[in-house]
């Protein structure tokens, strides 16, 4: 299962953005169910080095929110993509 840029979750967000919250929630539930099945037998954490919180997202994100020093590895790619979009807007006067 590909989590980052997941097709099902992208479809759910598209439904939410067009104002169809009921359909967005239905599709999002599909993603969550697929993810729940996937993590039973697979490592979903993209970190290269396993720390003691490897695969325990809630704890990992809470730690990073607490210390506010840097982002969890799994969120860096998404944030970099968003920052590149903003930087692109700023580079063309």
PDB file of N, CA and C in Angstrom:
ATOM      1  N   UNK A   1       0.844  -1.182   0.000  1.00  0.00           N
ATOM      2  CA  UNK A   1       0.000   0.000   0.000  1.00  0.00           C
ATOM      3  C   UNK A   1       0.886   1.240   0.000  1.00  0.00           C
ATOM      4  N   UNK A   2       0.586   2.155  -0.868  1.00  0.00           N
ATOM      5  CA  UNK A   2       1.263   3.444  -0.891  1.00  0.00           C
ATOM      6  C   UNK A   2       0.421   4.411  -0.063  1.00  0.00           C
ATOM      7  N   UNK A   3       1.032   4.983   0.966  1.00  0.00           N
ATOM      8  CA  UNK A   3       0.307   5.902   1.843  1.00  0.00           C
ATOM      9  C   UNK A   3       0.416   7.330   1.326  1.00  0.00           C
ATOM     10  N   UNK A   4       1.626   7.784   1.053  1.00  0.00           N
ATOM     11  CA  UNK A   4       1.834   9.159   0.591  1.00  0.00           C
ATOM     12  C   UNK A   4       1.265   9.321  -0.813  1.00  0.00           C
ATOM     13  N   UNK A   5       0.335  10.262  -0.970  1.00  0.00           N
ATOM     14  CA  UNK A   5      -0.302  10.475  -2.265  1.00  0.00           C
ATOM     15  C   UNK A   5      -1.256   9.356  -2.637  1.00  0.00           C
ATOM     16  N   UNK A   6      -1.817   8.677  -1.650  1.00  0.00           N
ATOM     17  CA  UNK A   6      -2.705   7.541  -1.876  1.00  0.00           C
ATOM     18  C   UNK A   6      -3.906   7.934  -2.745  1.00  0.00           C
ATOM     19  N   UNK A   7      -4.179   7.134  -3.757  1.00  0.00           N
ATOM     20  CA  UNK A   7      -5.260   7.428  -4.716  1.00  0.00           C
ATOM     21  C   UNK A   7      -6.622   7.520  -4.026  1.00  0.00           C
ATOM     22  N   UNK A   8      -6.912   6.583  -3.154  1.00  0.00           N
ATOM     23  CA  UNK A   8      -8.209   6.579  -2.478  1.00  0.00           C
ATOM     24  C   UNK A   8      -8.363   7.817  -1.606  1.00  0.00           C
ATOM     25  N   UNK A   9      -7.355   8.138  -0.838  1.00  0.00           N
ATOM     26  CA  UNK A   9      -7.436   9.310   0.038  1.00  0.00           C
ATOM     27  C   UNK A   9      -7.459  10.606  -0.763  1.00  0.00           C
ATOM     28  N   UNK A  10      -6.783  10.631  -1.917  1.00  0.00           N
ATOM     29  CA  UNK A  10      -6.838  11.793  -2.800  1.00  0.00           C
ATOM     30  C   UNK A  10      -8.261  11.993  -3.313  1.00  0.00           C
ATOM     31  N   UNK A  11      -8.937  10.894  -3.648  1.00  0.00           N
ATOM     32  CA  UNK A  11     -10.334  10.974  -4.087  1.00  0.00           C
ATOM     33  C   UNK A  11     -11.229  11.473  -2.950  1.00  0.00           C
ATOM     34  N   UNK A  12     -10.952  11.027  -1.735  1.00  0.00           N
ATOM     35  CA  UNK A  12     -11.733  11.486  -0.581  1.00  0.00           C
ATOM     36  C   UNK A  12     -11.581  12.994  -0.411  1.00  0.00           C
ATOM     37  N   UNK A  13     -10.358  13.497  -0.495  1.00  0.00           N
ATOM     38  CA  UNK A  13     -10.130  14.936  -0.340  1.00  0.00           C
ATOM     39  C   UNK A  13     -10.807  15.716  -1.445  1.00  0.00           C
ATOM     40  N   UNK A  14     -10.799  15.185  -2.665  1.00  0.00           N
ATOM     41  CA  UNK A  14     -11.479  15.860  -3.772  1.00  0.00           C
ATOM     42  C   UNK A  14     -12.979  15.982  -3.475  1.00  0.00           C
ATOM     43  N   UNK A  15     -13.560  14.930  -2.909  1.00  0.00           N
ATOM     44  CA  UNK A  15     -14.979  14.979  -2.552  1.00  0.00           C
ATOM     45  C   UNK A  15     -15.219  16.028  -1.468  1.00  0.00           C
ATOM     46  N   UNK A  16     -14.376  16.058  -0.446  1.00  0.00           N
ATOM     47  CA  UNK A  16     -14.510  17.076   0.603  1.00  0.00           C
ATOM     48  C   UNK A  16     -14.409  18.481   0.016  1.00  0.00           C
ATOM     49  N   UNK A  17     -13.451  18.687  -0.872  1.00  0.00           N
ATOM     50  CA  UNK A  17     -13.225  20.019  -1.439  1.00  0.00           C
ATOM     51  C   UNK A  17     -14.375  20.478  -2.327  1.00  0.00           C
ATOM     52  N   UNK A  18     -15.075  19.559  -2.941  1.00  0.00           N
ATOM     53  CA  UNK A  18     -16.230  19.964  -3.744  1.00  0.00           C
ATOM     54  C   UNK A  18     -17.512  20.044  -2.908  1.00  0.00           C
ATOM     55  N   UNK A  19     -17.365  19.872  -1.594  1.00  0.00           N
ATOM     56  CA  UNK A  19     -18.496  20.042  -0.685  1.00  0.00           C
ATOM     57  C   UNK A  19     -19.296  18.795  -0.406  1.00  0.00           C
ATOM     58  N   UNK A  20     -18.821  17.641  -0.844  1.00  0.00           N
ATOM     59  CA  UNK A  20     -19.531  16.383  -0.633  1.00  0.00           C
ATOM     60  C   UNK A  20     -18.900  15.623   0.528  1.00  0.00           C
ATOM     61  N   UNK A  21     -19.192  16.101   1.737  1.00  0.00           N
ATOM     62  CA  UNK A  21     -18.605  15.505   2.933  1.00  0.00           C
ATOM     63  C   UNK A  21     -19.017  14.073   3.160  1.00  0.00           C
ATOM     64  N   UNK A  22     -20.245  13.734   2.809  1.00  0.00           N
ATOM     65  CA  UNK A  22     -20.718  12.357   3.006  1.00  0.00           C
ATOM     66  C   UNK A  22     -19.909  11.387   2.140  1.00  0.00           C
ATOM     67  N   UNK A  23     -19.716  11.741   0.874  1.00  0.00           N
ATOM     68  CA  UNK A  23     -18.926  10.885  -0.025  1.00  0.00           C
ATOM     69  C   UNK A  23     -17.461  10.873   0.397  1.00  0.00           C
ATOM     70  N   UNK A  24     -16.943  12.031   0.796  1.00  0.00           N
ATOM     71  CA  UNK A  24     -15.562  12.096   1.263  1.00  0.00           C
ATOM     72  C   UNK A  24     -15.335  11.182   2.453  1.00  0.00           C
ATOM     73  N   UNK A  25     -16.249  11.196   3.392  1.00  0.00           N
ATOM     74  CA  UNK A  25     -16.133  10.326   4.577  1.00  0.00           C
ATOM     75  C   UNK A  25     -16.222   8.856   4.192  1.00  0.00           C
ATOM     76  N   UNK A  26     -17.106   8.535   3.251  1.00  0.00           N
ATOM     77  CA  UNK A  26     -17.245   7.146   2.807  1.00  0.00           C
ATOM     78  C   UNK A  26     -15.945   6.649   2.181  1.00  0.00           C
ATOM     79  N   UNK A  27     -15.372   7.469   1.315  1.00  0.00           N
ATOM     80  CA  UNK A  27     -14.123   7.081   0.650  1.00  0.00           C
ATOM     81  C   UNK A  27     -12.986   7.031   1.664  1.00  0.00           C
ATOM     82  N   UNK A  28     -12.962   7.981   2.578  1.00  0.00           N
ATOM     83  CA  UNK A  28     -11.916   7.996   3.600  1.00  0.00           C
ATOM     84  C   UNK A  28     -11.991   6.747   4.469  1.00  0.00           C
ATOM     85  N   UNK A  29     -13.196   6.282   4.762  1.00  0.00           N
ATOM     86  CA  UNK A  29     -13.350   5.043   5.525  1.00  0.00           C
ATOM     87  C   UNK A  29     -12.742   3.855   4.782  1.00  0.00           C
ATOM     88  N   UNK A  30     -12.833   3.860   3.445  1.00  0.00           N
ATOM     89  CA  UNK A  30     -12.191   2.811   2.643  1.00  0.00           C
ATOM     90  C   UNK A  30     -10.676   2.839   2.851  1.00  0.00           C
ATOM     91  N   UNK A  31     -10.108   4.039   2.810  1.00  0.00           N
ATOM     92  CA  UNK A  31      -8.670   4.192   3.012  1.00  0.00           C
ATOM     93  C   UNK A  31      -8.261   3.674   4.382  1.00  0.00           C
ATOM     94  N   UNK A  32      -9.000   4.064   5.413  1.00  0.00           N
ATOM     95  CA  UNK A  32      -8.670   3.654   6.782  1.00  0.00           C
ATOM     96  C   UNK A  32      -8.763   2.136   6.925  1.00  0.00           C
ATOM     97  N   UNK A  33      -9.781   1.526   6.319  1.00  0.00           N
ATOM     98  CA  UNK A  33      -9.928   0.073   6.390  1.00  0.00           C
ATOM     99  C   UNK A  33      -8.768  -0.627   5.672  1.00  0.00           C
ATOM    100  N   UNK A  34      -8.397  -0.116   4.505  1.00  0.00           N
ATOM    101  CA  UNK A  34      -7.273  -0.698   3.766  1.00  0.00           C
ATOM    102  C   UNK A  34      -5.979  -0.540   4.567  1.00  0.00           C
ATOM    103  N   UNK A  35      -5.795   0.622   5.171  1.00  0.00           N
ATOM    104  CA  UNK A  35      -4.606   0.870   5.981  1.00  0.00           C
ATOM    105  C   UNK A  35      -4.569  -0.065   7.184  1.00  0.00           C
ATOM    106  N   UNK A  36      -5.696  -0.248   7.851  1.00  0.00           N
ATOM    107  CA  UNK A  36      -5.754  -1.138   9.023  1.00  0.00           C
ATOM    108  C   UNK A  36      -5.348  -2.561   8.643  1.00  0.00           C
ATOM    109  N   UNK A  37      -5.814  -3.031   7.495  1.00  0.00           N
ATOM    110  CA  UNK A  37      -5.425  -4.365   7.030  1.00  0.00           C
ATOM    111  C   UNK A  37      -3.938  -4.407   6.687  1.00  0.00           C
ATOM    112  N   UNK A  38      -3.445  -3.371   6.038  1.00  0.00           N
ATOM    113  CA  UNK A  38      -2.052  -3.317   5.614  1.00  0.00           C
ATOM    114  C   UNK A  38      -1.095  -3.372   6.797  1.00  0.00           C
ATOM    115  N   UNK A  39      -1.359  -2.597   7.837  1.00  0.00           N
ATOM    116  CA  UNK A  39      -0.396  -2.513   8.947  1.00  0.00           C
ATOM    117  C   UNK A  39      -0.374  -3.765   9.814  1.00  0.00           C
ATOM    118  N   UNK A  40      -1.345  -4.644   9.638  1.00  0.00           N
ATOM    119  CA  UNK A  40      -1.321  -5.900  10.396  1.00  0.00           C
ATOM    120  C   UNK A  40      -0.097  -6.744  10.029  1.00  0.00           C
ATOM    121  N   UNK A  41       0.314  -6.660   8.774  1.00  0.00           N
ATOM    122  CA  UNK A  41       1.402  -7.519   8.295  1.00  0.00           C
ATOM    123  C   UNK A  41       2.576  -6.744   7.685  1.00  0.00           C
ATOM    124  N   UNK A  42       2.518  -5.416   7.683  1.00  0.00           N
ATOM    125  CA  UNK A  42       3.550  -4.627   7.004  1.00  0.00           C
ATOM    126  C   UNK A  42       4.016  -3.467   7.863  1.00  0.00           C
ATOM    127  N   UNK A  43       5.261  -3.080   7.640  1.00  0.00           N
ATOM    128  CA  UNK A  43       5.829  -1.904   8.279  1.00  0.00           C
ATOM    129  C   UNK A  43       5.450  -0.695   7.423  1.00  0.00           C
ATOM    130  N   UNK A  44       4.697   0.227   7.975  1.00  0.00           N
ATOM    131  CA  UNK A  44       4.245   1.388   7.220  1.00  0.00           C
ATOM    132  C   UNK A  44       5.092   2.630   7.450  1.00  0.00           C
ATOM    133  N   UNK A  45       6.037   2.547   8.364  1.00  0.00           N
ATOM    134  CA  UNK A  45       6.859   3.703   8.713  1.00  0.00           C
ATOM    135  C   UNK A  45       7.951   3.898   7.657  1.00  0.00           C
ATOM    136  N   UNK A  46       8.063   5.101   7.071  1.00  0.00           N
ATOM    137  CA  UNK A  46       9.052   5.331   6.023  1.00  0.00           C
ATOM    138  C   UNK A  46      10.447   5.680   6.540  1.00  0.00           C
ATOM    139  N   UNK A  47      10.619   5.781   7.843  1.00  0.00           N
ATOM    140  CA  UNK A  47      11.927   6.162   8.396  1.00  0.00           C
ATOM    141  C   UNK A  47      12.982   5.113   8.070  1.00  0.00           C
ATOM    142  N   UNK A  48      14.167   5.595   7.734  1.00  0.00           N
ATOM    143  CA  UNK A  48      15.281   4.689   7.420  1.00  0.00           C
ATOM    144  C   UNK A  48      15.795   3.977   8.661  1.00  0.00           C
ATOM    145  N   UNK A  49      15.921   4.703   9.745  1.00  0.00           N
ATOM    146  CA  UNK A  49      16.429   4.132  10.993  1.00  0.00           C
ATOM    147  C   UNK A  49      15.276   3.964  11.971  1.00  0.00           C
ATOM    148  N   UNK A  50      15.131   2.770  12.469  1.00  0.00           N
ATOM    149  CA  UNK A  50      14.037   2.498  13.393  1.00  0.00           C
ATOM    150  C   UNK A  50      14.394   3.003  14.790  1.00  0.00           C
ATOM    151  N   UNK A  51      13.553   3.889  15.314  1.00  0.00           N
ATOM    152  CA  UNK A  51      13.719   4.331  16.698  1.00  0.00           C
ATOM    153  C   UNK A  51      12.743   3.526  17.561  1.00  0.00           C
ATOM    154  N   UNK A  52      12.722   3.791  18.831  1.00  0.00           N
ATOM    155  CA  UNK A  52      11.831   3.001  19.692  1.00  0.00           C
ATOM    156  C   UNK A  52      10.352   3.308  19.451  1.00  0.00           C
ATOM    157  N   UNK A  53      10.049   4.350  18.678  1.00  0.00           N
ATOM    158  CA  UNK A  53       8.656   4.672  18.353  1.00  0.00           C
ATOM    159  C   UNK A  53       8.313   4.321  16.905  1.00  0.00           C
ATOM    160  N   UNK A  54       9.192   3.563  16.249  1.00  0.00           N
ATOM    161  CA  UNK A  54       8.999   3.175  14.850  1.00  0.00           C
ATOM    162  C   UNK A  54       7.636   2.512  14.654  1.00  0.00           C
ATOM    163  N   UNK A  55       6.842   3.081  13.761  1.00  0.00           N
ATOM    164  CA  UNK A  55       5.522   2.536  13.454  1.00  0.00           C
ATOM    165  C   UNK A  55       4.428   2.945  14.425  1.00  0.00           C
ATOM    166  N   UNK A  56       4.777   3.684  15.438  1.00  0.00           N
ATOM    167  CA  UNK A  56       3.794   4.136  16.433  1.00  0.00           C
ATOM    168  C   UNK A  56       3.547   5.625  16.203  1.00  0.00           C
ATOM    169  N   UNK A  57       2.752   5.916  15.180  1.00  0.00           N
ATOM    170  CA  UNK A  57       2.576   7.283  14.679  1.00  0.00           C
ATOM    171  C   UNK A  57       2.053   8.254  15.728  1.00  0.00           C
ATOM    172  N   UNK A  58       1.059   7.852  16.489  1.00  0.00           N
ATOM    173  CA  UNK A  58       0.472   8.781  17.462  1.00  0.00           C
ATOM    174  C   UNK A  58       1.520   9.261  18.450  1.00  0.00           C
ATOM    175  N   UNK A  59       2.333   8.335  18.965  1.00  0.00           N
ATOM    176  CA  UNK A  59       3.371   8.716  19.910  1.00  0.00           C
ATOM    177  C   UNK A  59       4.450   9.567  19.238  1.00  0.00           C
ATOM    178  N   UNK A  60       4.855   9.183  18.045  1.00  0.00           N
ATOM    179  CA  UNK A  60       5.890   9.902  17.309  1.00  0.00           C
ATOM    180  C   UNK A  60       5.459  11.344  17.027  1.00  0.00           C
ATOM    181  N   UNK A  61       4.269  11.517  16.512  1.00  0.00           N
ATOM    182  CA  UNK A  61       3.789  12.864  16.203  1.00  0.00           C
ATOM    183  C   UNK A  61       3.626  13.679  17.480  1.00  0.00           C
ATOM    184  N   UNK A  62       3.136  13.067  18.549  1.00  0.00           N
ATOM    185  CA  UNK A  62       2.993  13.784  19.817  1.00  0.00           C
ATOM    186  C   UNK A  62       4.356  14.273  20.329  1.00  0.00           C
ATOM    187  N   UNK A  63       5.379  13.438  20.203  1.00  0.00           N
ATOM    188  CA  UNK A  63       6.730  13.834  20.624  1.00  0.00           C
ATOM    189  C   UNK A  63       7.201  15.035  19.815  1.00  0.00           C
ATOM    190  N   UNK A  64       7.024  14.983  18.508  1.00  0.00           N
ATOM    191  CA  UNK A  64       7.470  16.083  17.653  1.00  0.00           C
ATOM    192  C   UNK A  64       6.658  17.350  17.898  1.00  0.00           C
ATOM    193  N   UNK A  65       5.385  17.206  18.147  1.00  0.00           N
ATOM    194  CA  UNK A  65       4.574  18.376  18.500  1.00  0.00           C
ATOM    195  C   UNK A  65       5.047  18.956  19.828  1.00  0.00           C
ATOM    196  N   UNK A  66       5.446  18.090  20.726  1.00  0.00           N
ATOM    197  CA  UNK A  66       5.897  18.531  22.041  1.00  0.00           C
ATOM    198  C   UNK A  66       7.197  19.305  21.995  1.00  0.00           C
ATOM    199  N   UNK A  67       8.203  18.775  21.288  1.00  0.00           N
ATOM    200  CA  UNK A  67       9.490  19.477  21.294  1.00  0.00           C
ATOM    201  C   UNK A  67       9.579  20.582  20.252  1.00  0.00           C
ATOM    202  N   UNK A  68       8.773  20.511  19.211  1.00  0.00           N
ATOM    203  CA  UNK A  68       8.671  21.560  18.186  1.00  0.00           C
ATOM    204  C   UNK A  68      10.026  21.946  17.581  1.00  0.00           C
ATOM    205  N   UNK A  69      10.953  20.990  17.526  1.00  0.00           N
ATOM    206  CA  UNK A  69      12.273  21.266  16.967  1.00  0.00           C
ATOM    207  C   UNK A  69      12.319  20.971  15.472  1.00  0.00           C
ATOM    208  N   UNK A  70      11.725  19.876  15.071  1.00  0.00           N
ATOM    209  CA  UNK A  70      11.697  19.468  13.668  1.00  0.00           C
ATOM    210  C   UNK A  70      10.470  18.598  13.442  1.00  0.00           C
ATOM    211  N   UNK A  71      10.204  18.293  12.180  1.00  0.00           N
ATOM    212  CA  UNK A  71       9.047  17.470  11.818  1.00  0.00           C
ATOM    213  C   UNK A  71       9.402  15.991  11.841  1.00  0.00           C
ATOM    214  N   UNK A  72       8.397  15.141  12.067  1.00  0.00           N
ATOM    215  CA  UNK A  72       8.638  13.705  11.895  1.00  0.00           C
ATOM    216  C   UNK A  72       9.032  13.443  10.432  1.00  0.00           C
ATOM    217  N   UNK A  73       9.894  12.495  10.232  1.00  0.00           N
ATOM    218  CA  UNK A  73      10.390  12.168   8.891  1.00  0.00           C
ATOM    219  C   UNK A  73       9.257  11.961   7.897  1.00  0.00           C
ATOM    220  N   UNK A  74       8.188  11.300   8.328  1.00  0.00           N
ATOM    221  CA  UNK A  74       7.091  10.961   7.415  1.00  0.00           C
ATOM    222  C   UNK A  74       6.361  12.189   6.882  1.00  0.00           C
ATOM    223  N   UNK A  75       6.464  13.332   7.542  1.00  0.00           N
ATOM    224  CA  UNK A  75       5.780  14.545   7.093  1.00  0.00           C
ATOM    225  C   UNK A  75       6.670  15.472   6.280  1.00  0.00           C
ATOM    226  N   UNK A  76       7.967  15.234   6.279  1.00  0.00           N
ATOM    227  CA  UNK A  76       8.896  16.141   5.611  1.00  0.00           C
ATOM    228  C   UNK A  76       8.638  16.271   4.110  1.00  0.00           C
ATOM    229  N   UNK A  77       8.401  15.187   3.426  1.00  0.00           N
ATOM    230  CA  UNK A  77       8.165  15.238   1.982  1.00  0.00           C
ATOM    231  C   UNK A  77       6.954  16.083   1.625  1.00  0.00           C
ATOM    232  N   UNK A  78       5.873  15.914   2.364  1.00  0.00           N
ATOM    233  CA  UNK A  78       4.659  16.682   2.097  1.00  0.00           C
ATOM    234  C   UNK A  78       4.905  18.171   2.346  1.00  0.00           C
ATOM    235  N   UNK A  79       5.571  18.507   3.436  1.00  0.00           N
ATOM    236  CA  UNK A  79       5.849  19.907   3.750  1.00  0.00           C
ATOM    237  C   UNK A  79       6.774  20.521   2.704  1.00  0.00           C
ATOM    238  N   UNK A  80       7.791  19.774   2.275  1.00  0.00           N
ATOM    239  CA  UNK A  80       8.700  20.284   1.245  1.00  0.00           C
ATOM    240  C   UNK A  80       7.943  20.559  -0.054  1.00  0.00           C
ATOM    241  N   UNK A  81       7.024  19.667  -0.437  1.00  0.00           N
ATOM    242  CA  UNK A  81       6.220  19.891  -1.648  1.00  0.00           C
ATOM    243  C   UNK A  81       5.411  21.176  -1.534  1.00  0.00           C
ATOM    244  N   UNK A  82       4.790  21.400  -0.383  1.00  0.00           N
ATOM    245  CA  UNK A  82       3.981  22.601  -0.181  1.00  0.00           C
ATOM    246  C   UNK A  82       4.852  23.851  -0.199  1.00  0.00           C
ATOM    247  N   UNK A  83       6.031  23.782   0.426  1.00  0.00           N
ATOM    248  CA  UNK A  83       6.932  24.932   0.445  1.00  0.00           C
ATOM    249  C   UNK A  83       7.464  25.249  -0.947  1.00  0.00           C
ATOM    250  N   UNK A  84       7.701  24.222  -1.759  1.00  0.00           N
ATOM    251  CA  UNK A  84       8.153  24.446  -3.126  1.00  0.00           C
ATOM    252  C   UNK A  84       7.090  25.192  -3.911  1.00  0.00           C
ATOM    253  N   UNK A  85       5.829  24.868  -3.687  1.00  0.00           N
ATOM    254  CA  UNK A  85       4.728  25.556  -4.358  1.00  0.00           C
ATOM    255  C   UNK A  85       4.696  27.028  -3.957  1.00  0.00           C
ATOM    256  N   UNK A  86       4.836  27.307  -2.673  1.00  0.00           N
ATOM    257  CA  UNK A  86       4.858  28.688  -2.190  1.00  0.00           C
ATOM    258  C   UNK A  86       6.076  29.421  -2.730  1.00  0.00           C
ATOM    259  N   UNK A  87       7.239  28.775  -2.711  1.00  0.00           N
ATOM    260  CA  UNK A  87       8.464  29.403  -3.203  1.00  0.00           C
ATOM    261  C   UNK A  87       8.337  29.724  -4.690  1.00  0.00           C
ATOM    262  N   UNK A  88       7.714  28.853  -5.428  1.00  0.00           N
ATOM    263  CA  UNK A  88       7.507  29.078  -6.868  1.00  0.00           C
ATOM    264  C   UNK A  88       6.645  30.325  -7.084  1.00  0.00           C
ATOM    265  N   UNK A  89       5.645  30.500  -6.266  1.00  0.00           N
ATOM    266  CA  UNK A  89       4.768  31.674  -6.381  1.00  0.00           C
ATOM    267  C   UNK A  89       5.549  32.943  -6.095  1.00  0.00           C
ATOM    268  N   UNK A  90       6.489  32.890  -5.167  1.00  0.00           N
ATOM    269  CA  UNK A  90       7.266  34.063  -4.761  1.00  0.00           C
ATOM    270  C   UNK A  90       8.387  34.385  -5.744  1.00  0.00           C
ATOM    271  N   UNK A  91       8.779  33.434  -6.557  1.00  0.00           N
ATOM    272  CA  UNK A  91       9.924  33.658  -7.439  1.00  0.00           C
ATOM    273  C   UNK A  91       9.549  34.292  -8.768  1.00  0.00           C
ATOM    274  N   UNK A  92       8.274  34.497  -9.013  1.00  0.00           N
ATOM    275  CA  UNK A  92       7.824  35.114 -10.263  1.00  0.00           C
ATOM    276  C   UNK A  92       7.025  36.380  -9.944  1.00  0.00           C
ATOM    277  N   UNK A  93       7.707  37.527  -9.954  1.00  0.00           N
ATOM    278  CA  UNK A  93       7.019  38.774  -9.599  1.00  0.00           C
ATOM    279  C   UNK A  93       5.957  39.197 -10.587  1.00  0.00           C
TER     280      UNK A  93
END
